[in-house]
Each structure stands twice: as C-alpha cells, then as structure tokens.
C-alpha cells in the first residue's frame, strides 16, 4: 500500500505541476470521498482511491499504458 501527499497524487495523475496542484487544493477544488481537502500535505493511501477535481470524479491509477498504431511513413521520435 502506497501513501502519498495529495499534491503528489494530483501531479502523478497529470493535473499539472505540484505548485499548480497545491493551488487547486488551496482553492477548495479537490475533494476525497466527498470531503473538500484544503491541506496539500494530507496523506492518502492510493489503493482504490477516488477523488474529484473541479467536480469531476477521478480514480487513482498507478500506471497507464497507451498503445498507438503508427501509420506507415510517419516518423515519431
């Protein structure tokens, strides 16, 4: 079981830099289990964690895999 601070959780999920994530938290835009959290240093277990940012519900994902089908003749690097 991994425990992370709320700003690190948001940053790891792609919401932006840690300073931007702290700003979201201080503005009251983040809630965990229906409770608005205004302390960016609050620590939560990431197993089965669901939270909402700006009213939209998100589920913590430790890893995300993206598969792309690159068309012939297209270079990606």
N, C-alpha and C. Protein backbone atom coordinates (compact mmCIF):
# COMPACT_ATOMS: atom_id res chain seq x y z
N UNK A 1 0.85 -1.17 0.00
CA UNK A 1 0.00 0.00 0.00
C UNK A 1 0.90 1.24 0.00
N UNK A 2 0.68 2.09 -0.97
CA UNK A 2 1.45 3.32 -1.11
C UNK A 2 0.66 4.48 -0.55
N UNK A 3 1.34 5.34 0.19
CA UNK A 3 0.71 6.56 0.71
C UNK A 3 1.46 7.76 0.14
N UNK A 4 0.70 8.72 -0.38
CA UNK A 4 1.27 9.93 -0.96
C UNK A 4 0.52 11.15 -0.48
N UNK A 5 1.20 12.28 -0.51
CA UNK A 5 0.51 13.54 -0.19
C UNK A 5 -0.41 13.90 -1.35
N UNK A 6 -1.44 14.66 -1.07
CA UNK A 6 -2.45 14.97 -2.07
C UNK A 6 -1.87 15.71 -3.27
N UNK A 7 -0.94 16.63 -3.05
CA UNK A 7 -0.34 17.34 -4.20
C UNK A 7 0.45 16.39 -5.09
N UNK A 8 1.12 15.42 -4.50
CA UNK A 8 1.87 14.43 -5.30
C UNK A 8 0.91 13.50 -6.05
N UNK A 9 -0.21 13.17 -5.44
CA UNK A 9 -1.20 12.33 -6.11
C UNK A 9 -1.71 13.03 -7.36
N UNK A 10 -2.11 14.30 -7.22
CA UNK A 10 -2.63 15.04 -8.37
C UNK A 10 -1.57 15.20 -9.45
N UNK A 11 -0.35 15.51 -9.05
CA UNK A 11 0.73 15.69 -10.02
C UNK A 11 1.00 14.38 -10.77
N UNK A 12 0.97 13.25 -10.06
CA UNK A 12 1.24 11.97 -10.70
C UNK A 12 0.13 11.57 -11.68
N UNK A 13 -1.06 12.14 -11.51
CA UNK A 13 -2.18 11.82 -12.38
C UNK A 13 -2.30 12.79 -13.56
N UNK A 14 -1.34 13.72 -13.66
CA UNK A 14 -1.28 14.59 -14.83
C UNK A 14 -2.05 15.89 -14.72
N UNK A 15 -2.35 16.34 -13.52
CA UNK A 15 -3.09 17.60 -13.36
C UNK A 15 -2.20 18.83 -13.48
N UNK A 16 -0.91 18.66 -13.55
CA UNK A 16 -0.01 19.80 -13.70
C UNK A 16 1.14 19.72 -12.71
N UNK A 17 1.84 20.83 -12.58
CA UNK A 17 2.97 20.88 -11.66
C UNK A 17 2.47 20.78 -10.22
N UNK A 18 3.38 20.45 -9.33
CA UNK A 18 2.97 20.35 -7.92
C UNK A 18 2.50 21.69 -7.39
N UNK A 19 3.10 22.78 -7.83
CA UNK A 19 2.66 24.10 -7.35
C UNK A 19 1.25 24.40 -7.85
N UNK A 20 0.92 24.02 -9.09
CA UNK A 20 -0.43 24.21 -9.60
C UNK A 20 -1.42 23.32 -8.84
N UNK A 21 -1.01 22.08 -8.55
CA UNK A 21 -1.87 21.16 -7.79
C UNK A 21 -2.13 21.70 -6.39
N UNK A 22 -1.11 22.28 -5.75
CA UNK A 22 -1.29 22.90 -4.43
C UNK A 22 -2.29 24.04 -4.51
N UNK A 23 -2.22 24.79 -5.59
CA UNK A 23 -3.14 25.92 -5.79
C UNK A 23 -4.58 25.41 -5.89
N UNK A 24 -4.80 24.34 -6.65
CA UNK A 24 -6.14 23.74 -6.76
C UNK A 24 -6.65 23.31 -5.40
N UNK A 25 -5.78 22.71 -4.61
CA UNK A 25 -6.18 22.21 -3.29
C UNK A 25 -6.54 23.38 -2.39
N UNK A 26 -5.72 24.42 -2.36
CA UNK A 26 -5.98 25.58 -1.50
C UNK A 26 -7.26 26.30 -1.89
N UNK A 27 -7.63 26.25 -3.16
CA UNK A 27 -8.85 26.91 -3.64
C UNK A 27 -10.10 26.08 -3.35
N UNK A 28 -9.93 24.89 -2.78
CA UNK A 28 -11.07 24.05 -2.44
C UNK A 28 -11.65 23.30 -3.62
N UNK A 29 -10.86 23.08 -4.65
CA UNK A 29 -11.33 22.39 -5.86
C UNK A 29 -11.17 20.87 -5.79
N UNK A 30 -10.55 20.36 -4.72
CA UNK A 30 -10.26 18.93 -4.62
C UNK A 30 -10.98 18.33 -3.42
N UNK A 31 -11.64 17.22 -3.64
CA UNK A 31 -12.27 16.50 -2.53
C UNK A 31 -11.94 15.02 -2.62
N UNK A 32 -11.84 14.40 -1.45
CA UNK A 32 -11.57 12.97 -1.35
C UNK A 32 -12.71 12.37 -0.55
N UNK A 33 -13.37 11.38 -1.15
CA UNK A 33 -14.53 10.73 -0.53
C UNK A 33 -15.59 11.75 -0.11
N UNK A 34 -15.82 12.76 -0.93
CA UNK A 34 -16.85 13.75 -0.69
C UNK A 34 -16.48 14.86 0.27
N UNK A 35 -15.28 14.84 0.82
CA UNK A 35 -14.84 15.85 1.78
C UNK A 35 -13.81 16.75 1.10
N UNK A 36 -14.07 18.06 1.09
CA UNK A 36 -13.13 19.01 0.49
C UNK A 36 -11.88 19.06 1.35
N UNK A 37 -10.73 18.89 0.71
CA UNK A 37 -9.44 18.90 1.40
C UNK A 37 -8.71 20.18 1.01
N UNK A 38 -8.27 20.95 2.02
CA UNK A 38 -7.54 22.19 1.72
C UNK A 38 -6.10 22.13 2.20
N UNK A 39 -5.65 20.96 2.64
CA UNK A 39 -4.27 20.77 3.09
C UNK A 39 -3.54 19.92 2.06
N UNK A 40 -2.62 20.54 1.33
CA UNK A 40 -1.91 19.80 0.27
C UNK A 40 -0.99 18.73 0.82
N UNK A 41 -0.67 18.79 2.10
CA UNK A 41 0.21 17.79 2.70
C UNK A 41 -0.56 16.61 3.30
N UNK A 42 -1.87 16.61 3.19
CA UNK A 42 -2.68 15.48 3.67
C UNK A 42 -2.25 14.23 2.92
N UNK A 43 -2.09 13.13 3.64
CA UNK A 43 -1.58 11.89 3.06
C UNK A 43 -2.73 10.89 2.93
N UNK A 44 -2.76 10.22 1.77
CA UNK A 44 -3.81 9.24 1.49
C UNK A 44 -3.19 7.97 0.92
N UNK A 45 -3.81 6.84 1.24
CA UNK A 45 -3.42 5.57 0.62
C UNK A 45 -3.97 5.58 -0.80
N UNK A 46 -3.15 5.18 -1.75
CA UNK A 46 -3.56 5.27 -3.16
C UNK A 46 -4.38 4.07 -3.62
N UNK A 47 -4.40 2.99 -2.85
CA UNK A 47 -5.18 1.81 -3.23
C UNK A 47 -6.67 2.15 -3.26
N UNK A 48 -7.29 1.99 -4.42
CA UNK A 48 -8.73 2.22 -4.62
C UNK A 48 -9.14 3.66 -4.28
N UNK A 49 -8.24 4.60 -4.43
CA UNK A 49 -8.54 6.00 -4.11
C UNK A 49 -9.34 6.64 -5.23
N UNK A 50 -10.43 7.27 -4.89
CA UNK A 50 -11.16 8.09 -5.85
C UNK A 50 -11.27 9.49 -5.26
N UNK A 51 -11.15 10.47 -6.11
CA UNK A 51 -11.16 11.87 -5.69
C UNK A 51 -11.82 12.69 -6.78
N UNK A 52 -12.18 13.90 -6.47
CA UNK A 52 -12.76 14.75 -7.51
C UNK A 52 -11.99 16.06 -7.57
N UNK A 53 -11.83 16.53 -8.79
CA UNK A 53 -11.15 17.80 -9.06
C UNK A 53 -12.11 18.64 -9.90
N UNK A 54 -12.46 19.80 -9.38
CA UNK A 54 -13.40 20.71 -10.05
C UNK A 54 -14.72 20.00 -10.35
N UNK A 55 -15.15 19.12 -9.43
CA UNK A 55 -16.42 18.45 -9.57
C UNK A 55 -16.41 17.19 -10.42
N UNK A 56 -15.28 16.84 -11.02
CA UNK A 56 -15.21 15.64 -11.86
C UNK A 56 -14.49 14.53 -11.10
N UNK A 57 -15.08 13.34 -11.06
CA UNK A 57 -14.54 12.22 -10.30
C UNK A 57 -13.41 11.54 -11.08
N UNK A 58 -12.34 11.20 -10.36
CA UNK A 58 -11.18 10.53 -10.92
C UNK A 58 -10.82 9.36 -10.02
N UNK A 59 -10.22 8.33 -10.60
CA UNK A 59 -9.73 7.17 -9.85
C UNK A 59 -8.23 7.12 -10.02
N UNK A 60 -7.51 6.92 -8.91
CA UNK A 60 -6.05 6.86 -8.97
C UNK A 60 -5.60 5.67 -9.79
N UNK A 61 -4.68 5.90 -10.68
CA UNK A 61 -4.09 4.84 -11.50
C UNK A 61 -2.58 4.92 -11.34
N UNK A 62 -1.98 3.82 -10.88
CA UNK A 62 -0.53 3.79 -10.69
C UNK A 62 0.19 3.80 -12.04
N UNK A 63 -0.39 3.10 -13.02
CA UNK A 63 0.23 3.02 -14.34
C UNK A 63 -0.86 3.16 -15.41
N UNK A 64 -0.52 3.82 -16.47
CA UNK A 64 -1.42 3.94 -17.62
C UNK A 64 -0.62 3.56 -18.85
N UNK A 65 -1.15 2.66 -19.63
CA UNK A 65 -0.49 2.21 -20.85
C UNK A 65 -1.27 2.70 -22.05
N UNK A 66 -0.55 3.26 -22.99
CA UNK A 66 -1.18 3.78 -24.20
C UNK A 66 -0.58 3.04 -25.40
N UNK A 67 -1.42 2.47 -26.23
CA UNK A 67 -0.98 1.78 -27.43
C UNK A 67 -1.32 2.64 -28.64
N UNK A 68 -0.35 2.83 -29.50
CA UNK A 68 -0.55 3.63 -30.71
C UNK A 68 -0.32 2.78 -31.94
N UNK A 69 -1.10 3.01 -32.96
CA UNK A 69 -0.91 2.37 -34.25
C UNK A 69 -0.34 3.43 -35.18
N UNK A 70 0.97 3.37 -35.40
CA UNK A 70 1.62 4.37 -36.22
C UNK A 70 1.47 3.99 -37.70
N UNK A 71 0.88 4.88 -38.48
CA UNK A 71 0.75 4.62 -39.92
C UNK A 71 2.12 4.56 -40.61
N UNK A 72 2.22 3.79 -41.67
CA UNK A 72 3.46 3.69 -42.43
C UNK A 72 3.83 5.07 -42.98
N UNK A 73 5.12 5.38 -42.94
CA UNK A 73 5.61 6.64 -43.49
C UNK A 73 5.59 7.80 -42.50
N UNK A 74 5.08 7.60 -41.31
CA UNK A 74 5.03 8.63 -40.30
C UNK A 74 6.16 8.36 -39.30
N UNK A 75 7.00 9.36 -39.07
CA UNK A 75 8.08 9.19 -38.12
C UNK A 75 7.68 9.76 -36.77
N UNK A 76 7.98 9.02 -35.74
CA UNK A 76 7.76 9.54 -34.39
C UNK A 76 9.01 9.24 -33.57
N UNK A 77 9.44 10.23 -32.88
CA UNK A 77 10.65 10.04 -32.05
C UNK A 77 10.54 10.84 -30.78
